[in-house]
Amino acid sequence: MNVDFTEKRSEPRRIIDQYHSVEFSLRDCAFTYQFKIWDISSKGICVLVKEDSNLLNYLKVGSVSELKYYTNNVLKPIEYLKTKIRHITKDEEGRFKGLYLVGLSILEPPKP
């Protein structure tokens, strides 16, 4: 039996299709934080952080860190990817009222 594993998608795979959560282990921060990845806009992904979370004291827009991503692939369950903080925005009203949306941008392509 000959099985063809050639990529046949008409569009590139989205980040949200590859990863379900991301873990922050930042220098000088005593705790590790894991968040579900949200695909709120077509331009990127974000995580939701409570307004009283200590993590907000360690996040800066424009900073780059290597974050641990949990994949949807059982053969390769985690990946470490260089990631930039694009924005930190408080949702004043709407679905995520009172939470901070932390926009993330993966700077390197995921490894095959």
PDB file of N, CA and C in Angstrom:
ATOM      1  N   MET A   1       0.851  -1.181   0.000  1.00  0.00           N
ATOM      2  CA  MET A   1       0.000   0.000   0.000  1.00  0.00           C
ATOM      3  C   MET A   1       0.890   1.236   0.000  1.00  0.00           C
ATOM      4  N   ASN A   2       0.664   2.126  -0.921  1.00  0.00           N
ATOM      5  CA  ASN A   2       1.456   3.336  -1.059  1.00  0.00           C
ATOM      6  C   ASN A   2       0.632   4.522  -0.561  1.00  0.00           C
ATOM      7  N   VAL A   3       1.098   5.167   0.498  1.00  0.00           N
ATOM      8  CA  VAL A   3       0.360   6.284   1.088  1.00  0.00           C
ATOM      9  C   VAL A   3       1.080   7.580   0.753  1.00  0.00           C
ATOM     10  N   ASP A   4       0.348   8.555   0.236  1.00  0.00           N
ATOM     11  CA  ASP A   4       0.919   9.850  -0.131  1.00  0.00           C
ATOM     12  C   ASP A   4       0.684  10.846   1.001  1.00  0.00           C
ATOM     13  N   PHE A   5       1.781  11.342   1.601  1.00  0.00           N
ATOM     14  CA  PHE A   5       1.684  12.305   2.695  1.00  0.00           C
ATOM     15  C   PHE A   5       1.992  13.727   2.231  1.00  0.00           C
ATOM     16  N   THR A   6       1.866  14.000   0.954  1.00  0.00           N
ATOM     17  CA  THR A   6       2.129  15.327   0.420  1.00  0.00           C
ATOM     18  C   THR A   6       1.088  16.313   0.951  1.00  0.00           C
ATOM     19  N   GLU A   7       1.562  17.511   1.316  1.00  0.00           N
ATOM     20  CA  GLU A   7       0.665  18.566   1.809  1.00  0.00           C
ATOM     21  C   GLU A   7      -0.287  18.969   0.692  1.00  0.00           C
ATOM     22  N   LYS A   8      -1.586  18.927   0.967  1.00  0.00           N
ATOM     23  CA  LYS A   8      -2.580  19.238  -0.053  1.00  0.00           C
ATOM     24  C   LYS A   8      -3.472  20.416   0.323  1.00  0.00           C
ATOM     25  N   ARG A   9      -3.136  21.097   1.398  1.00  0.00           N
ATOM     26  CA  ARG A   9      -3.960  22.243   1.800  1.00  0.00           C
ATOM     27  C   ARG A   9      -3.802  23.377   0.787  1.00  0.00           C
ATOM     28  N   SER A  10      -4.882  24.078   0.525  1.00  0.00           N
ATOM     29  CA  SER A  10      -4.813  25.208  -0.395  1.00  0.00           C
ATOM     30  C   SER A  10      -4.245  26.444   0.295  1.00  0.00           C
ATOM     31  N   GLU A  11      -4.295  26.462   1.627  1.00  0.00           N
ATOM     32  CA  GLU A  11      -3.741  27.570   2.405  1.00  0.00           C
ATOM     33  C   GLU A  11      -2.789  26.994   3.439  1.00  0.00           C
ATOM     34  N   PRO A  12      -1.809  27.812   3.878  1.00  0.00           N
ATOM     35  CA  PRO A  12      -0.897  27.303   4.901  1.00  0.00           C
ATOM     36  C   PRO A  12      -1.635  26.986   6.196  1.00  0.00           C
ATOM     37  N   ARG A  13      -1.109  26.031   6.905  1.00  0.00           N
ATOM     38  CA  ARG A  13      -1.691  25.641   8.192  1.00  0.00           C
ATOM     39  C   ARG A  13      -1.592  26.820   9.159  1.00  0.00           C
ATOM     40  N   ARG A  14      -2.648  27.073   9.898  1.00  0.00           N
ATOM     41  CA  ARG A  14      -2.660  28.165  10.864  1.00  0.00           C
ATOM     42  C   ARG A  14      -2.016  27.707  12.163  1.00  0.00           C
ATOM     43  N   ILE A  15      -1.485  28.677  12.916  1.00  0.00           N
ATOM     44  CA  ILE A  15      -0.850  28.390  14.202  1.00  0.00           C
ATOM     45  C   ILE A  15      -1.813  27.648  15.120  1.00  0.00           C
ATOM     46  N   ILE A  16      -3.049  28.069  15.148  1.00  0.00           N
ATOM     47  CA  ILE A  16      -4.033  27.478  16.055  1.00  0.00           C
ATOM     48  C   ILE A  16      -4.270  26.000  15.720  1.00  0.00           C
ATOM     49  N   ASP A  17      -4.019  25.609  14.474  1.00  0.00           N
ATOM     50  CA  ASP A  17      -4.167  24.205  14.087  1.00  0.00           C
ATOM     51  C   ASP A  17      -3.003  23.344  14.578  1.00  0.00           C
ATOM     52  N   GLN A  18      -1.878  23.976  14.884  1.00  0.00           N
ATOM     53  CA  GLN A  18      -0.677  23.242  15.276  1.00  0.00           C
ATOM     54  C   GLN A  18      -0.466  23.179  16.782  1.00  0.00           C
ATOM     55  N   TYR A  19      -0.905  24.214  17.502  1.00  0.00           N
ATOM     56  CA  TYR A  19      -0.627  24.321  18.939  1.00  0.00           C
ATOM     57  C   TYR A  19      -1.910  24.598  19.706  1.00  0.00           C
ATOM     58  N   HIS A  20      -1.997  24.059  20.919  1.00  0.00           N
ATOM     59  CA  HIS A  20      -3.190  24.329  21.721  1.00  0.00           C
ATOM     60  C   HIS A  20      -2.885  25.182  22.945  1.00  0.00           C
ATOM     61  N   SER A  21      -1.617  25.196  23.397  1.00  0.00           N
ATOM     62  CA  SER A  21      -1.280  26.041  24.547  1.00  0.00           C
ATOM     63  C   SER A  21       0.187  26.436  24.496  1.00  0.00           C
ATOM     64  N   VAL A  22       0.509  27.446  25.302  1.00  0.00           N
ATOM     65  CA  VAL A  22       1.874  27.974  25.358  1.00  0.00           C
ATOM     66  C   VAL A  22       2.245  28.192  26.817  1.00  0.00           C
ATOM     67  N   GLU A  23       3.514  27.977  27.110  1.00  0.00           N
ATOM     68  CA  GLU A  23       3.997  28.093  28.491  1.00  0.00           C
ATOM     69  C   GLU A  23       5.052  29.188  28.582  1.00  0.00           C
ATOM     70  N   PHE A  24       4.877  30.064  29.564  1.00  0.00           N
ATOM     71  CA  PHE A  24       5.823  31.141  29.840  1.00  0.00           C
ATOM     72  C   PHE A  24       6.663  30.749  31.048  1.00  0.00           C
ATOM     73  N   SER A  25       7.968  30.621  30.861  1.00  0.00           N
ATOM     74  CA  SER A  25       8.932  30.447  31.957  1.00  0.00           C
ATOM     75  C   SER A  25       9.954  31.554  31.764  1.00  0.00           C
ATOM     76  N   LEU A  26       9.725  32.677  32.403  1.00  0.00           N
ATOM     77  CA  LEU A  26      10.538  33.860  32.157  1.00  0.00           C
ATOM     78  C   LEU A  26      11.594  34.064  33.236  1.00  0.00           C
ATOM     79  N   ARG A  27      12.723  34.601  32.812  1.00  0.00           N
ATOM     80  CA  ARG A  27      13.804  34.906  33.737  1.00  0.00           C
ATOM     81  C   ARG A  27      13.292  35.859  34.822  1.00  0.00           C
ATOM     82  N   ASP A  28      13.726  35.648  36.029  1.00  0.00           N
ATOM     83  CA  ASP A  28      13.365  36.454  37.203  1.00  0.00           C
ATOM     84  C   ASP A  28      11.932  36.232  37.687  1.00  0.00           C
ATOM     85  N   CYS A  29      11.165  35.431  36.989  1.00  0.00           N
ATOM     86  CA  CYS A  29       9.796  35.131  37.408  1.00  0.00           C
ATOM     87  C   CYS A  29       9.794  33.755  38.066  1.00  0.00           C
ATOM     88  N   ALA A  30       9.317  33.694  39.287  1.00  0.00           N
ATOM     89  CA  ALA A  30       9.381  32.454  40.070  1.00  0.00           C
ATOM     90  C   ALA A  30       8.421  31.370  39.581  1.00  0.00           C
ATOM     91  N   PHE A  31       7.422  31.757  38.821  1.00  0.00           N
ATOM     92  CA  PHE A  31       6.394  30.806  38.415  1.00  0.00           C
ATOM     93  C   PHE A  31       6.431  30.538  36.917  1.00  0.00           C
ATOM     94  N   THR A  32       5.844  29.415  36.538  1.00  0.00           N
ATOM     95  CA  THR A  32       5.630  29.069  35.140  1.00  0.00           C
ATOM     96  C   THR A  32       4.133  29.186  34.882  1.00  0.00           C
ATOM     97  N   TYR A  33       3.773  29.795  33.758  1.00  0.00           N
ATOM     98  CA  TYR A  33       2.368  30.015  33.418  1.00  0.00           C
ATOM     99  C   TYR A  33       2.060  29.327  32.093  1.00  0.00           C
ATOM    100  N   GLN A  34       0.956  28.592  32.052  1.00  0.00           N
ATOM    101  CA  GLN A  34       0.527  27.944  30.819  1.00  0.00           C
ATOM    102  C   GLN A  34      -0.854  28.475  30.445  1.00  0.00           C
ATOM    103  N   PHE A  35      -1.020  28.816  29.161  1.00  0.00           N
ATOM    104  CA  PHE A  35      -2.265  29.404  28.679  1.00  0.00           C
ATOM    105  C   PHE A  35      -2.758  28.702  27.423  1.00  0.00           C
ATOM    106  N   LYS A  36      -4.066  28.648  27.290  1.00  0.00           N
ATOM    107  CA  LYS A  36      -4.700  28.201  26.047  1.00  0.00           C
ATOM    108  C   LYS A  36      -4.433  29.272  24.997  1.00  0.00           C
ATOM    109  N   ILE A  37      -4.177  28.847  23.786  1.00  0.00           N
ATOM    110  CA  ILE A  37      -3.968  29.784  22.681  1.00  0.00           C
ATOM    111  C   ILE A  37      -5.322  30.119  22.063  1.00  0.00           C
ATOM    112  N   TRP A  38      -5.545  31.411  21.852  1.00  0.00           N
ATOM    113  CA  TRP A  38      -6.773  31.900  21.232  1.00  0.00           C
ATOM    114  C   TRP A  38      -6.440  32.475  19.862  1.00  0.00           C
ATOM    115  N   ASP A  39      -7.287  32.201  18.904  1.00  0.00           N
ATOM    116  CA  ASP A  39      -7.145  32.705  17.539  1.00  0.00           C
ATOM    117  C   ASP A  39      -8.246  33.736  17.332  1.00  0.00           C
ATOM    118  N   ILE A  40      -8.013  34.931  17.852  1.00  0.00           N
ATOM    119  CA  ILE A  40      -9.060  35.949  17.854  1.00  0.00           C
ATOM    120  C   ILE A  40      -9.063  36.775  16.569  1.00  0.00           C
ATOM    121  N   SER A  41      -7.888  36.986  15.974  1.00  0.00           N
ATOM    122  CA  SER A  41      -7.833  37.769  14.744  1.00  0.00           C
ATOM    123  C   SER A  41      -7.096  36.985  13.673  1.00  0.00           C
ATOM    124  N   SER A  42      -7.229  37.442  12.443  1.00  0.00           N
ATOM    125  CA  SER A  42      -6.552  36.764  11.338  1.00  0.00           C
ATOM    126  C   SER A  42      -5.061  37.064  11.324  1.00  0.00           C
ATOM    127  N   LYS A  43      -4.626  38.020  12.138  1.00  0.00           N
ATOM    128  CA  LYS A  43      -3.222  38.434  12.108  1.00  0.00           C
ATOM    129  C   LYS A  43      -2.365  37.790  13.182  1.00  0.00           C
ATOM    130  N   GLY A  44      -2.940  36.991  14.052  1.00  0.00           N
ATOM    131  CA  GLY A  44      -2.097  36.380  15.063  1.00  0.00           C
ATOM    132  C   GLY A  44      -2.874  35.662  16.137  1.00  0.00           C
ATOM    133  N   ILE A  45      -2.123  35.226  17.127  1.00  0.00           N
ATOM    134  CA  ILE A  45      -2.697  34.489  18.247  1.00  0.00           C
ATOM    135  C   ILE A  45      -2.536  35.314  19.510  1.00  0.00           C
ATOM    136  N   CYS A  46      -3.267  34.933  20.543  1.00  0.00           N
ATOM    137  CA  CYS A  46      -3.109  35.618  21.818  1.00  0.00           C
ATOM    138  C   CYS A  46      -3.412  34.659  22.955  1.00  0.00           C
ATOM    139  N   VAL A  47      -3.036  35.090  24.139  1.00  0.00           N
ATOM    140  CA  VAL A  47      -3.413  34.384  25.360  1.00  0.00           C
ATOM    141  C   VAL A  47      -4.170  35.378  26.221  1.00  0.00           C
ATOM    142  N   LEU A  48      -5.015  34.860  27.105  1.00  0.00           N
ATOM    143  CA  LEU A  48      -5.803  35.699  28.002  1.00  0.00           C
ATOM    144  C   LEU A  48      -5.198  35.630  29.391  1.00  0.00           C
ATOM    145  N   VAL A  49      -4.904  36.807  29.962  1.00  0.00           N
ATOM    146  CA  VAL A  49      -4.255  36.886  31.269  1.00  0.00           C
ATOM    147  C   VAL A  49      -5.143  37.699  32.205  1.00  0.00           C
ATOM    148  N   LYS A  50      -5.384  37.175  33.399  1.00  0.00           N
ATOM    149  CA  LYS A  50      -6.192  37.899  34.385  1.00  0.00           C
ATOM    150  C   LYS A  50      -5.486  39.188  34.786  1.00  0.00           C
ATOM    151  N   GLU A  51      -6.282  40.227  35.055  1.00  0.00           N
ATOM    152  CA  GLU A  51      -5.704  41.537  35.349  1.00  0.00           C
ATOM    153  C   GLU A  51      -4.873  41.560  36.624  1.00  0.00           C
ATOM    154  N   ASP A  52      -5.081  40.626  37.536  1.00  0.00           N
ATOM    155  CA  ASP A  52      -4.290  40.606  38.770  1.00  0.00           C
ATOM    156  C   ASP A  52      -3.134  39.602  38.710  1.00  0.00           C
ATOM    157  N   SER A  53      -2.860  39.064  37.519  1.00  0.00           N
ATOM    158  CA  SER A  53      -1.784  38.083  37.375  1.00  0.00           C
ATOM    159  C   SER A  53      -0.415  38.746  37.516  1.00  0.00           C
ATOM    160  N   ASN A  54       0.444  38.128  38.293  1.00  0.00           N
ATOM    161  CA  ASN A  54       1.808  38.613  38.473  1.00  0.00           C
ATOM    162  C   ASN A  54       2.596  38.563  37.165  1.00  0.00           C
ATOM    163  N   LEU A  55       2.194  37.715  36.243  1.00  0.00           N
ATOM    164  CA  LEU A  55       2.895  37.596  34.969  1.00  0.00           C
ATOM    165  C   LEU A  55       2.955  38.924  34.226  1.00  0.00           C
ATOM    166  N   LEU A  56       1.927  39.741  34.346  1.00  0.00           N
ATOM    167  CA  LEU A  56       1.898  41.023  33.636  1.00  0.00           C
ATOM    168  C   LEU A  56       3.080  41.914  34.008  1.00  0.00           C
ATOM    169  N   ASN A  57       3.636  41.734  35.199  1.00  0.00           N
ATOM    170  CA  ASN A  57       4.800  42.524  35.613  1.00  0.00           C
ATOM    171  C   ASN A  57       6.058  42.148  34.836  1.00  0.00           C
ATOM    172  N   TYR A  58       6.059  40.999  34.180  1.00  0.00           N
ATOM    173  CA  TYR A  58       7.240  40.501  33.474  1.00  0.00           C
ATOM    174  C   TYR A  58       7.119  40.592  31.956  1.00  0.00           C
ATOM    175  N   LEU A  59       5.948  40.938  31.463  1.00  0.00           N
ATOM    176  CA  LEU A  59       5.733  41.017  30.022  1.00  0.00           C
ATOM    177  C   LEU A  59       5.902  42.442  29.536  1.00  0.00           C
ATOM    178  N   LYS A  60       6.624  42.596  28.441  1.00  0.00           N
ATOM    179  CA  LYS A  60       6.838  43.908  27.827  1.00  0.00           C
ATOM    180  C   LYS A  60       6.588  43.779  26.327  1.00  0.00           C
ATOM    181  N   VAL A  61       5.843  44.724  25.774  1.00  0.00           N
ATOM    182  CA  VAL A  61       5.599  44.735  24.336  1.00  0.00           C
ATOM    183  C   VAL A  61       6.943  44.860  23.622  1.00  0.00           C
ATOM    184  N   GLY A  62       7.146  44.025  22.626  1.00  0.00           N
ATOM    185  CA  GLY A  62       8.387  44.032  21.853  1.00  0.00           C
ATOM    186  C   GLY A  62       9.432  43.057  22.351  1.00  0.00           C
ATOM    187  N   SER A  63       9.247  42.535  23.557  1.00  0.00           N
ATOM    188  CA  SER A  63      10.241  41.591  24.080  1.00  0.00           C
ATOM    189  C   SER A  63      10.125  40.251  23.349  1.00  0.00           C
ATOM    190  N   VAL A  64      11.265  39.566  23.265  1.00  0.00           N
ATOM    191  CA  VAL A  64      11.334  38.278  22.581  1.00  0.00           C
ATOM    192  C   VAL A  64      11.815  37.233  23.575  1.00  0.00           C
ATOM    193  N   SER A  65      11.124  36.112  23.630  1.00  0.00           N
ATOM    194  CA  SER A  65      11.480  35.006  24.524  1.00  0.00           C
ATOM    195  C   SER A  65      11.267  33.691  23.795  1.00  0.00           C
ATOM    196  N   GLU A  66      11.953  32.674  24.257  1.00  0.00           N
ATOM    197  CA  GLU A  66      11.710  31.337  23.728  1.00  0.00           C
ATOM    198  C   GLU A  66      10.633  30.703  24.601  1.00  0.00           C
ATOM    199  N   LEU A  67       9.467  30.469  24.016  1.00  0.00           N
ATOM    200  CA  LEU A  67       8.337  29.923  24.757  1.00  0.00           C
ATOM    201  C   LEU A  67       8.113  28.465  24.371  1.00  0.00           C
ATOM    202  N   LYS A  68       7.509  27.748  25.289  1.00  0.00           N
ATOM    203  CA  LYS A  68       7.242  26.322  25.105  1.00  0.00           C
ATOM    204  C   LYS A  68       5.808  26.161  24.598  1.00  0.00           C
ATOM    205  N   TYR A  69       5.676  25.632  23.383  1.00  0.00           N
ATOM    206  CA  TYR A  69       4.371  25.417  22.769  1.00  0.00           C
ATOM    207  C   TYR A  69       4.011  23.937  22.826  1.00  0.00           C
ATOM    208  N   TYR A  70       2.777  23.668  23.220  1.00  0.00           N
ATOM    209  CA  TYR A  70       2.263  22.302  23.249  1.00  0.00           C
ATOM    210  C   TYR A  70       1.517  22.059  21.941  1.00  0.00           C
ATOM    211  N   THR A  71       1.967  21.061  21.202  1.00  0.00           N
ATOM    212  CA  THR A  71       1.419  20.815  19.869  1.00  0.00           C
ATOM    213  C   THR A  71       0.226  19.860  19.912  1.00  0.00           C
ATOM    214  N   ASN A  72      -0.415  19.763  18.776  1.00  0.00           N
ATOM    215  CA  ASN A  72      -1.496  18.798  18.584  1.00  0.00           C
ATOM    216  C   ASN A  72      -0.971  17.511  17.965  1.00  0.00           C
ATOM    217  N   ASN A  73       0.347  17.388  17.870  1.00  0.00           N
ATOM    218  CA  ASN A  73       0.995  16.235  17.254  1.00  0.00           C
ATOM    219  C   ASN A  73       1.558  15.325  18.344  1.00  0.00           C
ATOM    220  N   VAL A  74       1.015  14.135  18.486  1.00  0.00           N
ATOM    221  CA  VAL A  74       1.461  13.219  19.546  1.00  0.00           C
ATOM    222  C   VAL A  74       2.900  12.755  19.351  1.00  0.00           C
ATOM    223  N   LEU A  75       3.408  12.806  18.126  1.00  0.00           N
ATOM    224  CA  LEU A  75       4.786  12.400  17.868  1.00  0.00           C
ATOM    225  C   LEU A  75       5.794  13.476  18.265  1.00  0.00           C
ATOM    226  N   LYS A  76       5.330  14.695  18.376  1.00  0.00           N
ATOM    227  CA  LYS A  76       6.196  15.820  18.746  1.00  0.00           C
ATOM    228  C   LYS A  76       5.381  16.749  19.646  1.00  0.00           C
ATOM    229  N   PRO A  77       5.208  16.372  20.923  1.00  0.00           N
ATOM    230  CA  PRO A  77       4.252  17.066  21.789  1.00  0.00           C
ATOM    231  C   PRO A  77       4.616  18.495  22.190  1.00  0.00           C
ATOM    232  N   ILE A  78       5.914  18.867  22.158  1.00  0.00           N
ATOM    233  CA  ILE A  78       6.276  20.242  22.516  1.00  0.00           C
ATOM    234  C   ILE A  78       7.301  20.795  21.540  1.00  0.00           C
ATOM    235  N   GLU A  79       7.287  22.118  21.400  1.00  0.00           N
ATOM    236  CA  GLU A  79       8.282  22.833  20.602  1.00  0.00           C
ATOM    237  C   GLU A  79       8.623  24.117  21.335  1.00  0.00           C
ATOM    238  N   TYR A  80       9.887  24.495  21.277  1.00  0.00           N
ATOM    239  CA  TYR A  80      10.334  25.773  21.822  1.00  0.00           C
ATOM    240  C   TYR A  80      10.523  26.720  20.646  1.00  0.00           C
ATOM    241  N   LEU A  81       9.791  27.841  20.661  1.00  0.00           N
ATOM    242  CA  LEU A  81       9.833  28.775  19.545  1.00  0.00           C
ATOM    243  C   LEU A  81      10.069  30.199  20.034  1.00  0.00           C
ATOM    244  N   LYS A  82      10.923  30.912  19.308  1.00  0.00           N
ATOM    245  CA  LYS A  82      11.189  32.314  19.609  1.00  0.00           C
ATOM    246  C   LYS A  82       9.923  33.110  19.300  1.00  0.00           C
ATOM    247  N   THR A  83       9.445  33.854  20.292  1.00  0.00           N
ATOM    248  CA  THR A  83       8.142  34.518  20.198  1.00  0.00           C
ATOM    249  C   THR A  83       8.245  35.963  20.669  1.00  0.00           C
ATOM    250  N   LYS A  84       7.589  36.858  19.946  1.00  0.00           N
ATOM    251  CA  LYS A  84       7.581  38.283  20.286  1.00  0.00           C
ATOM    252  C   LYS A  84       6.218  38.670  20.852  1.00  0.00           C
ATOM    253  N   ILE A  85       6.245  39.494  21.910  1.00  0.00           N
ATOM    254  CA  ILE A  85       5.003  40.061  22.465  1.00  0.00           C
ATOM    255  C   ILE A  85       4.612  41.238  21.565  1.00  0.00           C
ATOM    256  N   ARG A  86       3.508  41.123  20.870  1.00  0.00           N
ATOM    257  CA  ARG A  86       3.051  42.168  19.935  1.00  0.00           C
ATOM    258  C   ARG A  86       2.233  43.257  20.626  1.00  0.00           C
ATOM    259  N   HIS A  87       1.389  42.859  21.545  1.00  0.00           N
ATOM    260  CA  HIS A  87       0.574  43.853  22.260  1.00  0.00           C
ATOM    261  C   HIS A  87       0.080  43.255  23.564  1.00  0.00           C
ATOM    262  N   ILE A  88      -0.249  44.138  24.489  1.00  0.00           N
ATOM    263  CA  ILE A  88      -0.903  43.761  25.745  1.00  0.00           C
ATOM    264  C   ILE A  88      -2.076  44.718  25.879  1.00  0.00           C
ATOM    265  N   THR A  89      -3.272  44.210  25.664  1.00  0.00           N
ATOM    266  CA  THR A  89      -4.458  45.053  25.578  1.00  0.00           C
ATOM    267  C   THR A  89      -5.515  44.582  26.562  1.00  0.00           C
ATOM    268  N   LYS A  90      -6.002  45.507  27.382  1.00  0.00           N
ATOM    269  CA  LYS A  90      -7.074  45.159  28.311  1.00  0.00           C
ATOM    270  C   LYS A  90      -8.407  45.240  27.587  1.00  0.00           C
ATOM    271  N   ASP A  91      -9.204  44.201  27.720  1.00  0.00           N
ATOM    272  CA  ASP A  91     -10.537  44.185  27.132  1.00  0.00           C
ATOM    273  C   ASP A  91     -11.483  44.855  28.124  1.00  0.00           C
ATOM    274  N   GLU A  92     -11.930  46.043  27.787  1.00  0.00           N
ATOM    275  CA  GLU A  92     -12.789  46.826  28.680  1.00  0.00           C
ATOM    276  C   GLU A  92     -14.253  46.404  28.612  1.00  0.00           C
ATOM    277  N   GLU A  93     -14.631  45.797  27.510  1.00  0.00           N
ATOM    278  CA  GLU A  93     -16.009  45.337  27.353  1.00  0.00           C
ATOM    279  C   GLU A  93     -16.018  44.179  26.377  1.00  0.00           C
ATOM    280  N   GLY A  94     -17.055  43.422  26.410  1.00  0.00           N
ATOM    281  CA  GLY A  94     -17.145  42.301  25.478  1.00  0.00           C
ATOM    282  C   GLY A  94     -16.858  40.965  26.133  1.00  0.00           C
ATOM    283  N   ARG A  95     -16.571  40.018  25.298  1.00  0.00           N
ATOM    284  CA  ARG A  95     -16.425  38.625  25.717  1.00  0.00           C
ATOM    285  C   ARG A  95     -15.366  38.414  26.798  1.00  0.00           C
ATOM    286  N   PHE A  96     -14.268  39.146  26.731  1.00  0.00           N
ATOM    287  CA  PHE A  96     -13.161  38.942  27.664  1.00  0.00           C
ATOM    288  C   PHE A  96     -12.967  40.140  28.603  1.00  0.00           C
ATOM    289  N   LYS A  97     -14.061  40.769  28.972  1.00  0.00           N
ATOM    290  CA  LYS A  97     -14.017  41.958  29.817  1.00  0.00           C
ATOM    291  C   LYS A  97     -13.190  41.701  31.084  1.00  0.00           C
ATOM    292  N   GLY A  98     -12.254  42.624  31.350  1.00  0.00           N
ATOM    293  CA  GLY A  98     -11.419  42.531  32.541  1.00  0.00           C
ATOM    294  C   GLY A  98     -10.159  41.707  32.364  1.00  0.00           C
ATOM    295  N   LEU A  99     -10.018  41.061  31.218  1.00  0.00           N
ATOM    296  CA  LEU A  99      -8.818  40.267  30.952  1.00  0.00           C
ATOM    297  C   LEU A  99      -7.887  41.027  30.011  1.00  0.00           C
ATOM    298  N   TYR A 100      -6.618  40.692  30.068  1.00  0.00           N
ATOM    299  CA  TYR A 100      -5.646  41.243  29.131  1.00  0.00           C
ATOM    300  C   TYR A 100      -5.437  40.251  28.000  1.00  0.00           C
ATOM    301  N   LEU A 101      -5.484  40.751  26.784  1.00  0.00           N
ATOM    302  CA  LEU A 101      -5.170  39.954  25.610  1.00  0.00           C
ATOM    303  C   LEU A 101      -3.710  40.224  25.286  1.00  0.00           C
ATOM    304  N   VAL A 102      -2.895  39.196  25.351  1.00  0.00           N
ATOM    305  CA  VAL A 102      -1.467  39.328  25.062  1.00  0.00           C
ATOM    306  C   VAL A 102      -1.233  38.713  23.686  1.00  0.00           C
ATOM    307  N   GLY A 103      -0.971  39.585  22.707  1.00  0.00           N
ATOM    308  CA  GLY A 103      -0.754  39.139  21.337  1.00  0.00           C
ATOM    309  C   GLY A 103       0.643  38.588  21.153  1.00  0.00           C
ATOM    310  N   LEU A 104       0.731  37.439  20.496  1.00  0.00           N
ATOM    311  CA  LEU A 104       2.009  36.765  20.281  1.00  0.00           C
ATOM    312  C   LEU A 104       2.277  36.591  18.793  1.00  0.00           C
ATOM    313  N   SER A 105       3.557  36.659  18.449  1.00  0.00           N
ATOM    314  CA  SER A 105       3.975  36.412  17.079  1.00  0.00           C
ATOM    315  C   SER A 105       5.177  35.479  17.106  1.00  0.00           C
ATOM    316  N   ILE A 106       5.034  34.320  16.490  1.00  0.00           N
ATOM    317  CA  ILE A 106       6.141  33.371  16.416  1.00  0.00           C
ATOM    318  C   ILE A 106       7.103  33.867  15.345  1.00  0.00           C
ATOM    319  N   LEU A 107       8.370  34.046  15.730  1.00  0.00           N
ATOM    320  CA  LEU A 107       9.351  34.650  14.837  1.00  0.00           C
ATOM    321  C   LEU A 107      10.075  33.655  13.947  1.00  0.00           C
ATOM    322  N   GLU A 108       9.994  32.397  14.257  1.00  0.00           N
ATOM    323  CA  GLU A 108      10.663  31.381  13.450  1.00  0.00           C
ATOM    324  C   GLU A 108       9.624  30.376  12.994  1.00  0.00           C
ATOM    325  N   PRO A 109       9.794  29.853  11.795  1.00  0.00           N
ATOM    326  CA  PRO A 109       8.813  28.862  11.347  1.00  0.00           C
ATOM    327  C   PRO A 109       8.933  27.586  12.161  1.00  0.00           C
ATOM    328  N   PRO A 110       7.818  26.950  12.459  1.00  0.00           N
ATOM    329  CA  PRO A 110       7.873  25.665  13.168  1.00  0.00           C
ATOM    330  C   PRO A 110       8.687  24.659  12.369  1.00  0.00           C
ATOM    331  N   LYS A 111       9.392  23.819  13.071  1.00  0.00           N
ATOM    332  CA  LYS A 111      10.217  22.800  12.417  1.00  0.00           C
ATOM    333  C   LYS A 111       9.332  21.647  11.958  1.00  0.00           C
ATOM    334  N   PRO A 112       9.601  21.129  10.757  1.00  0.00           N
ATOM    335  CA  PRO A 112       8.752  20.036  10.240  1.00  0.00           C
ATOM    336  C   PRO A 112       8.853  18.777  11.059  1.00  0.00           C
TER     337      PRO A 112
END
